[in-house]
Amino acid sequence: MSENSIRIPNELLLSEIGKLLAQGKRCSLRTKGSSMLPFIRGERDSVVLEALPEILVGDIVLAKVPGHGYVLHRVMRIEGERLFLMGDGNLRYGEECNLSDVLGSVVWIEKDCGGGLKLPENPEEEEEFRKAHPRVFLDPRSPGQLRKARLWRLLKPFRRLILAVYRRTMLAAGNS
């Protein structure tokens, strides 16, 4: 962190992001932690959030979970108004919340590939820009990303080993 940086508590920052999302705004947020490995790398990748009209199984949502605070995790199951969430890097189910606890859904994952690319502010230019940079901007609702997430869910019994190898090789080398 540089001398000019300001540290804002998560509770305050995410509360304000929730207000912006409720107003129909789109927000970009640099992620923290390792609970969404290998799909989202904390301190490197960012996510673009939006309040979507419908939450689906497989979506990555920002939710205020009673007893857990704010989490950015994947929806594993929906039962009526109840959501069951789990981080991709977690080894067991994590949280339950209501649909009303969801602040927004991840509509883009911005991979930090060292290129310094940012989405254009003009929405008309955004789609073409993303198509030109598919390794940098991932759509978590795309068929390919949802297939990867389903496969990862099936590998749950082996996650501990896979994540250990991933952390030692990919993250230590600063790749992927």
Protein backbone atom coordinates (compact mmCIF):
# COMPACT_ATOMS: atom_id res chain seq x y z
CA MET A 1 0.00 0.00 0.00
CA SER A 2 1.41 3.40 -0.98
CA GLU A 3 1.73 6.43 1.32
CA ASN A 4 -1.25 8.10 -0.35
CA SER A 5 -3.55 5.10 0.00
CA ILE A 6 -6.54 5.19 2.29
CA ARG A 7 -7.75 2.02 3.95
CA ILE A 8 -11.55 1.80 4.26
CA PRO A 9 -13.13 -0.89 6.44
CA ASN A 10 -14.92 -3.57 4.37
CA GLU A 11 -18.20 -2.98 6.22
CA LEU A 12 -18.26 0.69 5.17
CA LEU A 13 -17.01 0.17 1.61
CA LEU A 14 -19.33 -2.73 0.81
CA SER A 15 -22.29 -0.96 2.40
CA GLU A 16 -21.69 1.99 0.05
CA ILE A 17 -21.29 -0.35 -2.93
CA GLY A 18 -24.63 -1.91 -1.95
CA LYS A 19 -26.26 1.53 -2.07
CA LEU A 20 -24.82 2.23 -5.53
CA LEU A 21 -25.95 -1.17 -6.82
CA ALA A 22 -29.46 -0.52 -5.44
CA GLN A 23 -29.51 2.70 -7.49
CA GLY A 24 -28.85 0.69 -10.66
CA LYS A 25 -25.17 1.58 -10.86
CA ARG A 26 -22.41 -0.83 -11.83
CA CYS A 27 -19.39 -1.10 -9.51
CA SER A 28 -15.89 -2.50 -9.89
CA LEU A 29 -14.22 -3.97 -6.82
CA ARG A 30 -10.72 -5.38 -6.28
CA THR A 31 -11.14 -8.71 -4.51
CA LYS A 32 -9.45 -9.91 -1.34
CA GLY A 33 -8.87 -13.35 0.09
CA SER A 34 -8.60 -16.79 -1.43
CA SER A 35 -12.13 -18.15 -1.05
CA MET A 36 -12.82 -17.91 -4.80
CA LEU A 37 -9.64 -19.59 -6.05
CA PRO A 38 -8.93 -20.66 -8.73
CA PHE A 39 -11.48 -18.49 -10.59
CA ILE A 40 -10.84 -15.19 -8.79
CA ARG A 41 -7.50 -14.32 -7.23
CA GLY A 42 -7.64 -11.97 -4.25
CA GLU A 43 -5.48 -8.84 -4.34
CA ARG A 44 -5.07 -9.29 -8.14
CA ASP A 45 -8.42 -9.70 -9.87
CA SER A 46 -11.39 -7.36 -9.80
CA VAL A 47 -15.07 -7.99 -10.32
CA VAL A 48 -17.74 -5.84 -11.91
CA LEU A 49 -20.98 -6.02 -9.94
CA GLU A 50 -24.52 -5.20 -10.95
CA ALA A 51 -27.92 -5.73 -9.35
CA LEU A 52 -29.50 -8.30 -11.66
CA PRO A 53 -33.24 -8.99 -11.78
CA GLU A 54 -32.70 -12.73 -11.31
CA ILE A 55 -30.19 -14.79 -9.31
CA LEU A 56 -29.29 -18.19 -10.78
CA VAL A 57 -27.44 -21.22 -9.48
CA GLY A 58 -23.81 -20.70 -10.49
CA ASP A 59 -23.91 -16.91 -10.12
CA ILE A 60 -21.22 -15.24 -8.06
CA VAL A 61 -22.90 -12.78 -5.70
CA LEU A 62 -21.96 -10.18 -3.14
CA ALA A 63 -24.19 -10.79 -0.15
CA LYS A 64 -24.41 -9.62 3.44
CA VAL A 65 -24.69 -12.91 5.27
CA PRO A 66 -25.94 -12.85 8.86
CA GLY A 67 -23.08 -13.87 11.16
CA HIS A 68 -20.48 -13.78 8.36
CA GLY A 69 -20.53 -10.18 7.11
CA TYR A 70 -20.07 -9.61 3.39
CA VAL A 71 -19.05 -12.49 1.12
CA LEU A 72 -18.40 -12.82 -2.59
CA HIS A 73 -19.33 -16.46 -3.21
CA ARG A 74 -21.04 -18.69 -5.74
CA VAL A 75 -24.72 -19.67 -5.46
CA MET A 76 -24.79 -23.45 -5.09
CA ARG A 77 -28.50 -23.97 -4.48
CA ILE A 78 -31.71 -21.95 -4.29
CA GLU A 79 -34.70 -23.05 -2.23
CA GLY A 80 -37.47 -20.48 -2.47
CA GLU A 81 -36.04 -17.28 -1.01
CA ARG A 82 -33.00 -19.07 0.56
CA LEU A 83 -29.60 -19.12 -1.13
CA PHE A 84 -26.82 -21.54 -0.26
CA LEU A 85 -23.41 -20.06 -1.03
CA MET A 86 -19.91 -21.48 -1.21
CA GLY A 87 -16.57 -20.00 -2.19
CA ASP A 88 -14.88 -21.88 -5.04
CA GLY A 89 -11.74 -22.14 -2.90
CA ASN A 90 -13.63 -23.49 0.10
CA LEU A 91 -13.79 -27.16 0.96
CA ARG A 92 -17.34 -27.28 2.33
CA TYR A 93 -20.59 -25.35 2.08
CA GLY A 94 -20.35 -22.03 3.75
CA GLU A 95 -23.26 -19.68 4.06
CA GLU A 96 -27.00 -19.33 3.78
CA CYS A 97 -28.81 -16.09 3.15
CA ASN A 98 -32.04 -14.71 1.75
CA LEU A 99 -32.39 -13.32 -1.76
CA SER A 100 -32.89 -9.93 -0.11
CA ASP A 101 -29.35 -10.17 1.38
CA VAL A 102 -27.78 -10.13 -2.12
CA LEU A 103 -26.38 -6.72 -3.05
CA GLY A 104 -25.31 -7.62 -6.57
CA SER A 105 -24.00 -10.26 -8.95
CA VAL A 106 -20.66 -10.47 -10.70
CA VAL A 107 -21.19 -9.67 -14.37
CA TRP A 108 -17.47 -9.57 -15.30
CA ILE A 109 -14.29 -10.90 -13.79
CA GLU A 110 -11.36 -8.66 -14.65
CA LYS A 111 -8.22 -10.80 -14.61
CA ASP A 112 -5.03 -8.97 -13.68
CA CYS A 113 -2.77 -9.96 -16.54
CA GLY A 114 -0.44 -7.01 -16.07
CA GLY A 115 -1.82 -5.16 -19.09
CA GLY A 116 -3.61 -2.43 -17.19
CA LEU A 117 -6.76 -2.74 -19.33
CA LYS A 118 -10.00 -1.24 -18.03
CA LEU A 119 -13.49 -1.49 -19.48
CA PRO A 120 -14.54 1.59 -21.47
CA GLU A 121 -17.01 3.85 -19.68
CA ASN A 122 -19.22 4.03 -22.76
CA PRO A 123 -21.55 0.98 -22.63
CA GLU A 124 -21.79 0.88 -26.44
CA GLU A 125 -18.03 0.24 -26.69
CA GLU A 126 -17.90 -2.31 -23.85
CA GLU A 127 -19.02 -5.48 -25.67
CA GLU A 128 -16.61 -5.02 -28.56
CA PHE A 129 -13.77 -4.24 -26.14
CA ARG A 130 -14.46 -7.42 -24.10
CA LYS A 131 -14.53 -9.54 -27.26
CA ALA A 132 -11.12 -8.15 -28.20
CA HIS A 133 -9.71 -9.13 -24.77
CA PRO A 134 -11.38 -12.47 -23.81
CA ARG A 135 -8.49 -13.59 -21.57
CA VAL A 136 -8.83 -10.45 -19.46
CA PHE A 137 -12.61 -10.03 -19.09
CA LEU A 138 -14.51 -13.21 -18.24
CA ASP A 139 -18.29 -13.51 -18.20
CA PRO A 140 -19.12 -15.77 -15.22
CA ARG A 141 -22.51 -16.59 -16.77
CA SER A 142 -21.06 -17.72 -20.10
CA PRO A 143 -21.54 -21.42 -20.95
CA GLY A 144 -17.78 -22.05 -20.78
CA GLN A 145 -17.35 -20.45 -17.36
CA LEU A 146 -20.43 -22.24 -15.99
CA ARG A 147 -19.05 -25.58 -17.29
CA LYS A 148 -15.75 -24.92 -15.51
CA ALA A 149 -17.62 -24.08 -12.29
CA ARG A 150 -19.71 -27.29 -12.52
CA LEU A 151 -16.59 -29.37 -13.13
CA TRP A 152 -14.90 -27.67 -10.17
CA ARG A 153 -17.93 -28.53 -8.00
CA LEU A 154 -17.60 -32.20 -9.03
CA LEU A 155 -13.93 -32.12 -8.01
CA LYS A 156 -14.86 -31.06 -4.46
CA PRO A 157 -13.40 -34.21 -2.84
CA PHE A 158 -10.04 -33.37 -4.44
CA ARG A 159 -10.05 -29.59 -3.93
CA ARG A 160 -7.65 -29.62 -0.99
CA LEU A 161 -4.96 -31.30 -3.08
CA ILE A 162 -5.68 -29.32 -6.26
CA LEU A 163 -5.67 -26.00 -4.42
CA ALA A 164 -2.43 -26.87 -2.62
CA VAL A 165 -0.74 -27.61 -5.94
CA TYR A 166 -2.28 -24.48 -7.49
CA ARG A 167 -1.05 -22.25 -4.68
CA ARG A 168 2.46 -23.70 -4.80
CA THR A 169 2.86 -23.53 -8.55
CA MET A 170 0.68 -20.86 -10.12
CA LEU A 171 0.51 -18.30 -7.35
CA ALA A 172 4.13 -18.69 -6.29
CA ALA A 173 5.20 -18.12 -9.89
CA GLY A 174 2.83 -15.18 -10.23
CA ASN A 175 1.08 -16.79 -13.21
CA SER A 176 -2.49 -17.52 -14.32
